Amino acid sequence: MHSQATELRRATGYVLRFQSLFHEGRALAFECDAAGRVDLDAMSERARINYLHARSVIGRDFATPFVEPTVH
């Protein structure tokens, strides 16, 4: 079993995850930096619309987003 430190060393990037408040296991995730900043200019139009929508319904449809390392 890997330790959390080992998993973080293997991280290749980060995602900003918006977890649904009503549907367990459902979330929206967007590539970001370690501080949770997303590059809106690099997103597709659909991803940008989903991201802006998720931000606008925090506390109603989605929980406060959190940064999660991506591992391979």
Protein backbone atom coordinates (compact mmCIF):
# COMPACT_ATOMS: atom_id res chain seq x y z
CA MET A 1 0.00 0.00 0.00
CA HIS A 2 1.32 3.44 -0.94
CA SER A 3 1.54 6.24 1.55
CA GLN A 4 -0.15 9.55 0.83
CA ALA A 5 3.27 11.18 0.38
CA THR A 6 4.17 8.61 -2.29
CA GLU A 7 0.91 9.26 -4.11
CA LEU A 8 1.49 13.02 -4.05
CA ARG A 9 4.99 12.56 -5.50
CA ARG A 10 3.41 10.65 -8.37
CA ALA A 11 0.87 13.41 -9.04
CA THR A 12 1.04 14.66 -12.61
CA GLY A 13 -1.46 17.48 -12.21
CA TYR A 14 -4.48 18.63 -10.31
CA VAL A 15 -8.22 18.90 -10.76
CA LEU A 16 -10.70 21.18 -9.07
CA ARG A 17 -13.59 18.89 -8.06
CA PHE A 18 -17.15 20.07 -7.48
CA GLN A 19 -18.97 17.22 -5.68
CA SER A 20 -22.75 16.99 -6.10
CA LEU A 21 -24.75 17.58 -2.92
CA PHE A 22 -27.55 15.27 -4.06
CA HIS A 23 -26.03 12.51 -6.20
CA GLU A 24 -23.34 10.46 -4.48
CA GLY A 25 -20.41 9.83 -6.79
CA ARG A 26 -21.40 12.58 -9.21
CA ALA A 27 -19.04 15.52 -9.64
CA LEU A 28 -17.57 17.94 -12.12
CA ALA A 29 -13.78 18.17 -12.31
CA PHE A 30 -11.60 20.67 -14.14
CA GLU A 31 -7.84 20.76 -14.68
CA CYS A 32 -6.20 23.34 -12.44
CA ASP A 33 -2.94 24.23 -10.75
CA ALA A 34 -2.03 23.28 -7.18
CA ALA A 35 -3.83 26.40 -5.88
CA GLY A 36 -7.08 25.52 -7.69
CA ARG A 37 -6.80 28.11 -10.45
CA VAL A 38 -8.25 27.01 -13.79
CA ASP A 39 -7.26 28.36 -17.21
CA LEU A 40 -10.58 29.49 -18.69
CA ASP A 41 -8.92 30.29 -22.03
CA ALA A 42 -7.66 26.71 -22.40
CA MET A 43 -11.10 25.15 -21.72
CA SER A 44 -13.54 24.10 -24.39
CA GLU A 45 -16.71 26.18 -24.53
CA ARG A 46 -18.74 23.37 -22.96
CA ALA A 47 -16.23 22.90 -20.11
CA ARG A 48 -16.19 26.65 -19.48
CA ILE A 49 -20.01 26.74 -19.30
CA ASN A 50 -20.04 23.76 -16.90
CA TYR A 51 -17.33 25.33 -14.74
CA LEU A 52 -19.10 28.69 -14.50
CA HIS A 53 -22.40 26.95 -13.74
CA ALA A 54 -20.83 24.80 -11.00
CA ARG A 55 -19.32 27.91 -9.39
CA SER A 56 -22.67 29.68 -9.45
CA VAL A 57 -24.53 26.89 -7.62
CA ILE A 58 -22.04 26.14 -4.82
CA GLY A 59 -24.10 25.41 -1.73
CA ARG A 60 -27.23 24.64 -3.76
CA ASP A 61 -26.20 21.85 -6.14
CA PHE A 62 -22.47 21.40 -5.51
CA ALA A 63 -20.30 21.43 -2.41
CA THR A 64 -17.39 23.83 -2.06
CA PRO A 65 -14.80 22.63 -4.58
CA PHE A 66 -11.49 21.12 -3.53
CA VAL A 67 -8.18 20.50 -5.30
CA GLU A 68 -7.29 16.87 -5.87
CA PRO A 69 -3.99 15.58 -7.29
CA THR A 70 -4.24 13.36 -10.33
CA VAL A 71 -2.08 10.24 -10.23
CA HIS A 72 -1.10 7.72 -12.85
